[in-house]
Amino acid sequence: MDEEYRNVVREFFQKYRPLQKKYNLRMHMQWSEKDGGKIEIWECEGNRETRCVCNLTDKDNITCFRKAASMLEIYGWKENGREQEKRAG
């Protein structure tokens, strides 16, 4: 499980870091044995959180990171599409 956990976390951060820089994202994570994991990712303007990109809770940490990575991938596609529409139109 340790190797799988490392790989999933690495994959998550490989998707998160570029989007964090490009769209000014802020992440909050919380883990406990009782409740499992929680990941929140927000788009920010200055110090203000303006739009929730991801809000996940799951008993299994690996599943939580996998779902968050998938949500970030979808977010990246949507934002990229919006940028292309603005340029075209």
N, C-alpha and C. Protein backbone atom coordinates (compact mmCIF):
# COMPACT_ATOMS: atom_id res chain seq x y z
N MET A 1 0.81 -1.20 0.00
CA MET A 1 0.00 0.00 0.00
C MET A 1 0.85 1.26 0.00
N ASP A 2 2.00 1.22 0.65
CA ASP A 2 2.84 2.42 0.69
C ASP A 2 3.27 2.88 -0.69
N GLU A 3 3.63 1.94 -1.55
CA GLU A 3 4.05 2.29 -2.90
C GLU A 3 2.87 2.84 -3.69
N GLU A 4 1.73 2.22 -3.56
CA GLU A 4 0.52 2.69 -4.25
C GLU A 4 0.14 4.10 -3.76
N TYR A 5 0.21 4.32 -2.47
CA TYR A 5 -0.12 5.63 -1.89
C TYR A 5 0.83 6.70 -2.43
N ARG A 6 2.12 6.40 -2.45
CA ARG A 6 3.11 7.35 -2.98
C ARG A 6 2.82 7.70 -4.43
N ASN A 7 2.50 6.69 -5.24
CA ASN A 7 2.23 6.92 -6.66
C ASN A 7 0.98 7.77 -6.87
N VAL A 8 -0.06 7.50 -6.10
CA VAL A 8 -1.30 8.25 -6.24
C VAL A 8 -1.09 9.71 -5.80
N VAL A 9 -0.38 9.92 -4.70
CA VAL A 9 -0.11 11.28 -4.23
C VAL A 9 0.76 12.03 -5.24
N ARG A 10 1.76 11.36 -5.79
CA ARG A 10 2.62 11.98 -6.81
C ARG A 10 1.80 12.38 -8.03
N GLU A 11 0.92 11.49 -8.49
CA GLU A 11 0.06 11.79 -9.64
C GLU A 11 -0.85 12.99 -9.35
N PHE A 12 -1.40 13.03 -8.14
CA PHE A 12 -2.26 14.15 -7.75
C PHE A 12 -1.49 15.47 -7.84
N PHE A 13 -0.31 15.52 -7.23
CA PHE A 13 0.45 16.77 -7.21
C PHE A 13 0.99 17.15 -8.59
N GLN A 14 1.23 16.17 -9.46
CA GLN A 14 1.65 16.48 -10.82
C GLN A 14 0.53 17.19 -11.58
N LYS A 15 -0.71 16.90 -11.24
CA LYS A 15 -1.84 17.59 -11.86
C LYS A 15 -2.15 18.90 -11.14
N TYR A 16 -1.98 18.91 -9.82
CA TYR A 16 -2.35 20.10 -9.04
C TYR A 16 -1.39 21.27 -9.23
N ARG A 17 -0.09 21.03 -9.17
CA ARG A 17 0.90 22.13 -9.19
C ARG A 17 0.79 23.05 -10.40
N PRO A 18 0.73 22.53 -11.63
CA PRO A 18 0.62 23.45 -12.77
C PRO A 18 -0.68 24.26 -12.74
N LEU A 19 -1.78 23.60 -12.35
CA LEU A 19 -3.06 24.31 -12.27
C LEU A 19 -3.04 25.33 -11.13
N GLN A 20 -2.36 25.00 -10.06
CA GLN A 20 -2.24 25.92 -8.92
C GLN A 20 -1.60 27.24 -9.36
N LYS A 21 -0.54 27.13 -10.10
CA LYS A 21 0.17 28.33 -10.56
C LYS A 21 -0.64 29.11 -11.59
N LYS A 22 -1.28 28.39 -12.50
CA LYS A 22 -1.99 29.04 -13.59
C LYS A 22 -3.29 29.71 -13.14
N TYR A 23 -4.02 29.06 -12.21
CA TYR A 23 -5.34 29.55 -11.82
C TYR A 23 -5.42 30.00 -10.36
N ASN A 24 -4.27 30.15 -9.71
CA ASN A 24 -4.21 30.62 -8.33
C ASN A 24 -5.10 29.78 -7.40
N LEU A 25 -4.79 28.48 -7.35
CA LEU A 25 -5.57 27.56 -6.53
C LEU A 25 -5.00 27.45 -5.12
N ARG A 26 -5.87 27.18 -4.18
CA ARG A 26 -5.47 26.96 -2.79
C ARG A 26 -6.12 25.65 -2.32
N MET A 27 -5.34 24.84 -1.61
CA MET A 27 -5.81 23.53 -1.19
C MET A 27 -5.82 23.41 0.33
N HIS A 28 -6.86 22.75 0.85
CA HIS A 28 -6.95 22.41 2.26
C HIS A 28 -7.13 20.89 2.33
N MET A 29 -6.29 20.23 3.15
CA MET A 29 -6.42 18.79 3.33
C MET A 29 -6.54 18.49 4.82
N GLN A 30 -7.32 17.46 5.11
CA GLN A 30 -7.49 17.05 6.50
C GLN A 30 -7.63 15.53 6.53
N TRP A 31 -6.90 14.88 7.44
CA TRP A 31 -6.93 13.43 7.54
C TRP A 31 -7.14 13.00 8.98
N SER A 32 -7.98 11.99 9.17
CA SER A 32 -8.14 11.39 10.49
C SER A 32 -8.53 9.93 10.31
N GLU A 33 -8.18 9.10 11.27
CA GLU A 33 -8.53 7.69 11.18
C GLU A 33 -10.03 7.48 11.24
N LYS A 34 -10.70 8.28 12.02
CA LYS A 34 -12.15 8.14 12.19
C LYS A 34 -12.92 8.54 10.94
N ASP A 35 -12.61 9.72 10.39
CA ASP A 35 -13.39 10.27 9.28
C ASP A 35 -12.78 10.04 7.91
N GLY A 36 -11.53 9.63 7.84
CA GLY A 36 -10.86 9.47 6.56
C GLY A 36 -10.25 10.77 6.09
N GLY A 37 -10.23 10.98 4.77
CA GLY A 37 -9.58 12.16 4.21
C GLY A 37 -10.55 13.15 3.63
N LYS A 38 -10.12 14.40 3.62
CA LYS A 38 -10.90 15.48 3.00
C LYS A 38 -9.94 16.37 2.23
N ILE A 39 -10.31 16.67 0.99
CA ILE A 39 -9.52 17.57 0.15
C ILE A 39 -10.47 18.64 -0.39
N GLU A 40 -10.11 19.90 -0.17
CA GLU A 40 -10.83 21.03 -0.74
C GLU A 40 -9.84 21.83 -1.58
N ILE A 41 -10.25 22.21 -2.77
CA ILE A 41 -9.41 23.04 -3.63
C ILE A 41 -10.26 24.22 -4.09
N TRP A 42 -9.72 25.42 -3.91
CA TRP A 42 -10.43 26.66 -4.22
C TRP A 42 -9.64 27.50 -5.21
N GLU A 43 -10.37 28.15 -6.11
CA GLU A 43 -9.80 29.18 -6.97
C GLU A 43 -9.83 30.48 -6.16
N CYS A 44 -8.76 31.25 -6.20
CA CYS A 44 -8.67 32.45 -5.36
C CYS A 44 -8.37 33.69 -6.17
N GLU A 45 -8.85 34.81 -5.64
CA GLU A 45 -8.47 36.14 -6.13
C GLU A 45 -7.88 36.87 -4.94
N GLY A 46 -6.59 37.09 -4.98
CA GLY A 46 -5.92 37.67 -3.81
C GLY A 46 -5.98 36.69 -2.66
N ASN A 47 -6.50 37.13 -1.52
CA ASN A 47 -6.63 36.25 -0.36
C ASN A 47 -8.03 35.68 -0.22
N ARG A 48 -8.91 35.95 -1.18
CA ARG A 48 -10.30 35.52 -1.11
C ARG A 48 -10.54 34.27 -1.94
N GLU A 49 -11.16 33.27 -1.34
CA GLU A 49 -11.54 32.07 -2.08
C GLU A 49 -12.83 32.38 -2.84
N THR A 50 -12.79 32.20 -4.18
CA THR A 50 -13.93 32.63 -4.99
C THR A 50 -14.76 31.48 -5.54
N ARG A 51 -14.13 30.36 -5.85
CA ARG A 51 -14.88 29.25 -6.46
C ARG A 51 -14.30 27.92 -6.01
N CYS A 52 -15.17 27.02 -5.55
CA CYS A 52 -14.74 25.70 -5.12
C CYS A 52 -14.54 24.82 -6.35
N VAL A 53 -13.34 24.28 -6.49
CA VAL A 53 -12.99 23.42 -7.61
C VAL A 53 -13.22 21.96 -7.23
N CYS A 54 -12.95 21.62 -5.99
CA CYS A 54 -13.01 20.23 -5.53
C CYS A 54 -13.33 20.21 -4.05
N ASN A 55 -14.28 19.39 -3.64
CA ASN A 55 -14.61 19.23 -2.22
C ASN A 55 -14.95 17.75 -2.02
N LEU A 56 -13.97 16.97 -1.57
CA LEU A 56 -14.12 15.52 -1.46
C LEU A 56 -13.89 15.03 -0.05
N THR A 57 -14.64 14.02 0.33
CA THR A 57 -14.40 13.31 1.58
C THR A 57 -14.51 11.82 1.27
N ASP A 58 -13.55 11.04 1.76
CA ASP A 58 -13.58 9.60 1.55
C ASP A 58 -12.87 8.91 2.69
N LYS A 59 -13.34 7.74 3.07
CA LYS A 59 -12.72 6.98 4.16
C LYS A 59 -11.31 6.51 3.79
N ASP A 60 -11.09 6.24 2.51
CA ASP A 60 -9.80 5.75 2.04
C ASP A 60 -9.00 6.89 1.43
N ASN A 61 -7.81 7.14 1.93
CA ASN A 61 -6.98 8.25 1.46
C ASN A 61 -6.60 8.10 -0.01
N ILE A 62 -6.30 6.89 -0.43
CA ILE A 62 -5.90 6.66 -1.82
C ILE A 62 -7.06 7.02 -2.75
N THR A 63 -8.25 6.58 -2.40
CA THR A 63 -9.43 6.89 -3.21
C THR A 63 -9.67 8.39 -3.25
N CYS A 64 -9.48 9.06 -2.13
CA CYS A 64 -9.67 10.50 -2.05
C CYS A 64 -8.72 11.22 -3.01
N PHE A 65 -7.44 10.85 -3.01
CA PHE A 65 -6.47 11.47 -3.91
C PHE A 65 -6.79 11.15 -5.37
N ARG A 66 -7.22 9.92 -5.66
CA ARG A 66 -7.57 9.56 -7.04
C ARG A 66 -8.74 10.39 -7.55
N LYS A 67 -9.78 10.52 -6.74
CA LYS A 67 -10.95 11.31 -7.15
C LYS A 67 -10.57 12.77 -7.34
N ALA A 68 -9.75 13.31 -6.45
CA ALA A 68 -9.32 14.70 -6.57
C ALA A 68 -8.49 14.91 -7.83
N ALA A 69 -7.62 13.95 -8.16
CA ALA A 69 -6.82 14.06 -9.38
C ALA A 69 -7.73 14.07 -10.61
N SER A 70 -8.76 13.23 -10.61
CA SER A 70 -9.71 13.21 -11.73
C SER A 70 -10.46 14.53 -11.84
N MET A 71 -10.88 15.06 -10.71
CA MET A 71 -11.59 16.35 -10.72
C MET A 71 -10.70 17.47 -11.23
N LEU A 72 -9.42 17.44 -10.86
CA LEU A 72 -8.48 18.46 -11.35
C LEU A 72 -8.28 18.35 -12.85
N GLU A 73 -8.24 17.13 -13.35
CA GLU A 73 -8.08 16.93 -14.79
C GLU A 73 -9.28 17.52 -15.54
N ILE A 74 -10.47 17.27 -15.05
CA ILE A 74 -11.68 17.82 -15.66
C ILE A 74 -11.68 19.35 -15.56
N TYR A 75 -11.31 19.87 -14.40
CA TYR A 75 -11.23 21.32 -14.20
C TYR A 75 -10.27 21.95 -15.21
N GLY A 76 -9.11 21.33 -15.40
CA GLY A 76 -8.13 21.84 -16.36
C GLY A 76 -8.69 21.87 -17.78
N TRP A 77 -9.42 20.83 -18.16
CA TRP A 77 -10.03 20.80 -19.50
C TRP A 77 -11.05 21.91 -19.66
N LYS A 78 -11.90 22.08 -18.65
CA LYS A 78 -12.94 23.11 -18.73
C LYS A 78 -12.33 24.51 -18.82
N GLU A 79 -11.35 24.78 -17.97
CA GLU A 79 -10.73 26.10 -17.97
C GLU A 79 -9.99 26.36 -19.27
N ASN A 80 -9.34 25.35 -19.80
CA ASN A 80 -8.64 25.49 -21.08
C ASN A 80 -9.64 25.79 -22.19
N GLY A 81 -10.80 25.13 -22.16
CA GLY A 81 -11.85 25.39 -23.15
C GLY A 81 -12.39 26.81 -23.04
N ARG A 82 -12.56 27.31 -21.83
CA ARG A 82 -13.03 28.68 -21.62
C ARG A 82 -12.03 29.69 -22.16
N GLU A 83 -10.74 29.43 -21.95
CA GLU A 83 -9.71 30.34 -22.46
C GLU A 83 -9.71 30.37 -23.98
N GLN A 84 -9.89 29.20 -24.59
CA GLN A 84 -9.92 29.16 -26.06
C GLN A 84 -11.14 29.88 -26.61
N GLU A 85 -12.28 29.77 -25.93
CA GLU A 85 -13.49 30.49 -26.36
C GLU A 85 -13.28 31.99 -26.29
N LYS A 86 -12.63 32.45 -25.22
CA LYS A 86 -12.38 33.89 -25.07
C LYS A 86 -11.49 34.41 -26.18
N ARG A 87 -10.46 33.62 -26.55
CA ARG A 87 -9.54 34.03 -27.59
C ARG A 87 -10.25 34.07 -28.96
N ALA A 88 -11.14 33.11 -29.19
CA ALA A 88 -11.83 33.01 -30.47
C ALA A 88 -12.92 34.06 -30.63
N GLY A 89 -13.46 34.46 -29.48
CA GLY A 89 -14.60 35.20 -29.65
C GLY A 89 -14.99 36.47 -29.27
